C-alpha atoms as a PDB file:
ATOM      1  CA  UNK A   1      25.246 -73.727   7.472  1.00  0.00           C
ATOM      2  CA  UNK A   2      28.756 -74.581   8.698  1.00  0.00           C
ATOM      3  CA  UNK A   3      31.567 -72.115   8.259  1.00  0.00           C
ATOM      4  CA  UNK A   4      34.767 -73.047   6.484  1.00  0.00           C
ATOM      5  CA  UNK A   5      36.623 -73.037   9.813  1.00  0.00           C
ATOM      6  CA  UNK A   6      34.064 -75.443  11.324  1.00  0.00           C
ATOM      7  CA  UNK A   7      34.384 -77.765   8.322  1.00  0.00           C
ATOM      8  CA  UNK A   8      38.176 -77.685   8.554  1.00  0.00           C
ATOM      9  CA  UNK A   9      38.042 -78.392  12.288  1.00  0.00           C
ATOM     10  CA  UNK A  10      35.675 -81.316  11.647  1.00  0.00           C
ATOM     11  CA  UNK A  11      38.040 -82.702   8.998  1.00  0.00           C
ATOM     12  CA  UNK A  12      41.060 -82.480  11.317  1.00  0.00           C
ATOM     13  CA  UNK A  13      39.110 -84.072  14.156  1.00  0.00           C
ATOM     14  CA  UNK A  14      37.997 -86.896  11.877  1.00  0.00           C
ATOM     15  CA  UNK A  15      41.574 -87.583  10.746  1.00  0.00           C
ATOM     16  CA  UNK A  16      42.856 -87.617  14.307  1.00  0.00           C
ATOM     17  CA  UNK A  17      40.093 -90.008  15.364  1.00  0.00           C
ATOM     18  CA  UNK A  18      40.820 -92.382  12.449  1.00  0.00           C
ATOM     19  CA  UNK A  19      44.543 -92.440  13.204  1.00  0.00           C
ATOM     20  CA  UNK A  20      43.851 -93.066  16.892  1.00  0.00           C
ATOM     21  CA  UNK A  21      41.482 -95.943  16.149  1.00  0.00           C
ATOM     22  CA  UNK A  22      43.960 -97.548  13.763  1.00  0.00           C
ATOM     23  CA  UNK A  23      46.807 -97.241  16.263  1.00  0.00           C
ATOM     24  CA  UNK A  24      44.635 -98.677  19.019  1.00  0.00           C
ATOM     25  CA  UNK A  25      43.893-101.713  16.849  1.00  0.00           C
ATOM     26  CA  UNK A  26      47.583-102.162  16.095  1.00  0.00           C
ATOM     27  CA  UNK A  27      48.387-101.916  19.806  1.00  0.00           C
ATOM     28  CA  UNK A  28      45.942-104.723  20.540  1.00  0.00           C
ATOM     29  CA  UNK A  29      47.698-106.974  18.028  1.00  0.00           C
ATOM     30  CA  UNK A  30      51.043-106.428  19.767  1.00  0.00           C
ATOM     31  CA  UNK A  31      49.654-106.788  23.302  1.00  0.00           C
ATOM     32  CA  UNK A  32      50.744-110.422  23.596  1.00  0.00           C
ATOM     33  CA  UNK A  33      54.318-109.740  22.347  1.00  0.00           C
ATOM     34  CA  UNK A  34      53.860-112.331  19.591  1.00  0.00           C
ATOM     35  CA  UNK A  35      53.318-111.359  15.974  1.00  0.00           C
ATOM     36  CA  UNK A  36      52.061-114.181  13.806  1.00  0.00           C
ATOM     37  CA  UNK A  37      51.573-114.277  10.036  1.00  0.00           C
ATOM     38  CA  UNK A  38      47.858-113.573  10.498  1.00  0.00           C
ATOM     39  CA  UNK A  39      48.747-110.537  12.602  1.00  0.00           C
ATOM     40  CA  UNK A  40      50.943-109.216   9.798  1.00  0.00           C
ATOM     41  CA  UNK A  41      48.113-109.542   7.285  1.00  0.00           C
ATOM     42  CA  UNK A  42      45.954-107.459   9.621  1.00  0.00           C
ATOM     43  CA  UNK A  43      48.590-105.028  10.876  1.00  0.00           C
ATOM     44  CA  UNK A  44      50.341-103.998   7.661  1.00  0.00           C
ATOM     45  CA  UNK A  45      47.196-102.588   5.980  1.00  0.00           C
ATOM     46  CA  UNK A  46      46.360-100.765   9.237  1.00  0.00           C
ATOM     47  CA  UNK A  47      49.856 -99.280   9.374  1.00  0.00           C
ATOM     48  CA  UNK A  48      49.581 -98.203   5.754  1.00  0.00           C
ATOM     49  CA  UNK A  49      46.222 -96.581   6.519  1.00  0.00           C
ATOM     50  CA  UNK A  50      47.752 -94.726   9.477  1.00  0.00           C
ATOM     51  CA  UNK A  51      50.581 -93.486   7.256  1.00  0.00           C
ATOM     52  CA  UNK A  52      48.072 -92.246   4.660  1.00  0.00           C
ATOM     53  CA  UNK A  53      45.920 -90.569   7.305  1.00  0.00           C
ATOM     54  CA  UNK A  54      48.948 -88.910   8.916  1.00  0.00           C
ATOM     55  CA  UNK A  55      50.142 -87.624   5.537  1.00  0.00           C
ATOM     56  CA  UNK A  56      46.650 -86.354   4.789  1.00  0.00           C
ATOM     57  CA  UNK A  57      46.475 -84.679   8.189  1.00  0.00           C
ATOM     58  CA  UNK A  58      49.894 -83.091   7.633  1.00  0.00           C
ATOM     59  CA  UNK A  59      48.819 -81.573   4.314  1.00  0.00           C
ATOM     60  CA  UNK A  60      45.511 -80.435   5.761  1.00  0.00           C
ATOM     61  CA  UNK A  61      47.231 -78.699   8.682  1.00  0.00           C
ATOM     62  CA  UNK A  62      49.769 -77.089   6.367  1.00  0.00           C
ATOM     63  CA  UNK A  63      46.929 -75.847   4.163  1.00  0.00           C
ATOM     64  CA  UNK A  64      45.087 -74.425   7.179  1.00  0.00           C
ATOM     65  CA  UNK A  65      48.235 -72.605   8.312  1.00  0.00           C
ATOM     66  CA  UNK A  66      48.805 -71.237   4.812  1.00  0.00           C
ATOM     67  CA  UNK A  67      45.218 -69.969   4.596  1.00  0.00           C
ATOM     68  CA  UNK A  68      45.524 -68.366   8.042  1.00  0.00           C
ATOM     69  CA  UNK A  69      48.763 -66.631   7.051  1.00  0.00           C
ATOM     70  CA  UNK A  70      47.205 -65.355   3.814  1.00  0.00           C
ATOM     71  CA  UNK A  71      44.273 -63.856   5.754  1.00  0.00           C
ATOM     72  CA  UNK A  72      46.677 -62.367   8.283  1.00  0.00           C
ATOM     73  CA  UNK A  73      48.796 -60.680   5.591  1.00  0.00           C
ATOM     74  CA  UNK A  74      45.879 -59.056   3.769  1.00  0.00           C
END
């Protein structure tokens, strides 16, 4: 059975991977220095997903730090 710390590490790793993949896809769209309407329809949802994932990662990391500080202060 996985420990809580292992599960939290897996969650953080998953978020980082998802953000990286989304950013890589966005980078490919901009590689030719031309953004067409079709590119916008693809890119905007990817950017929104990256923003959501980054916000989720931020809250997860803050929660991990809070839990660590609570354990430390016991």
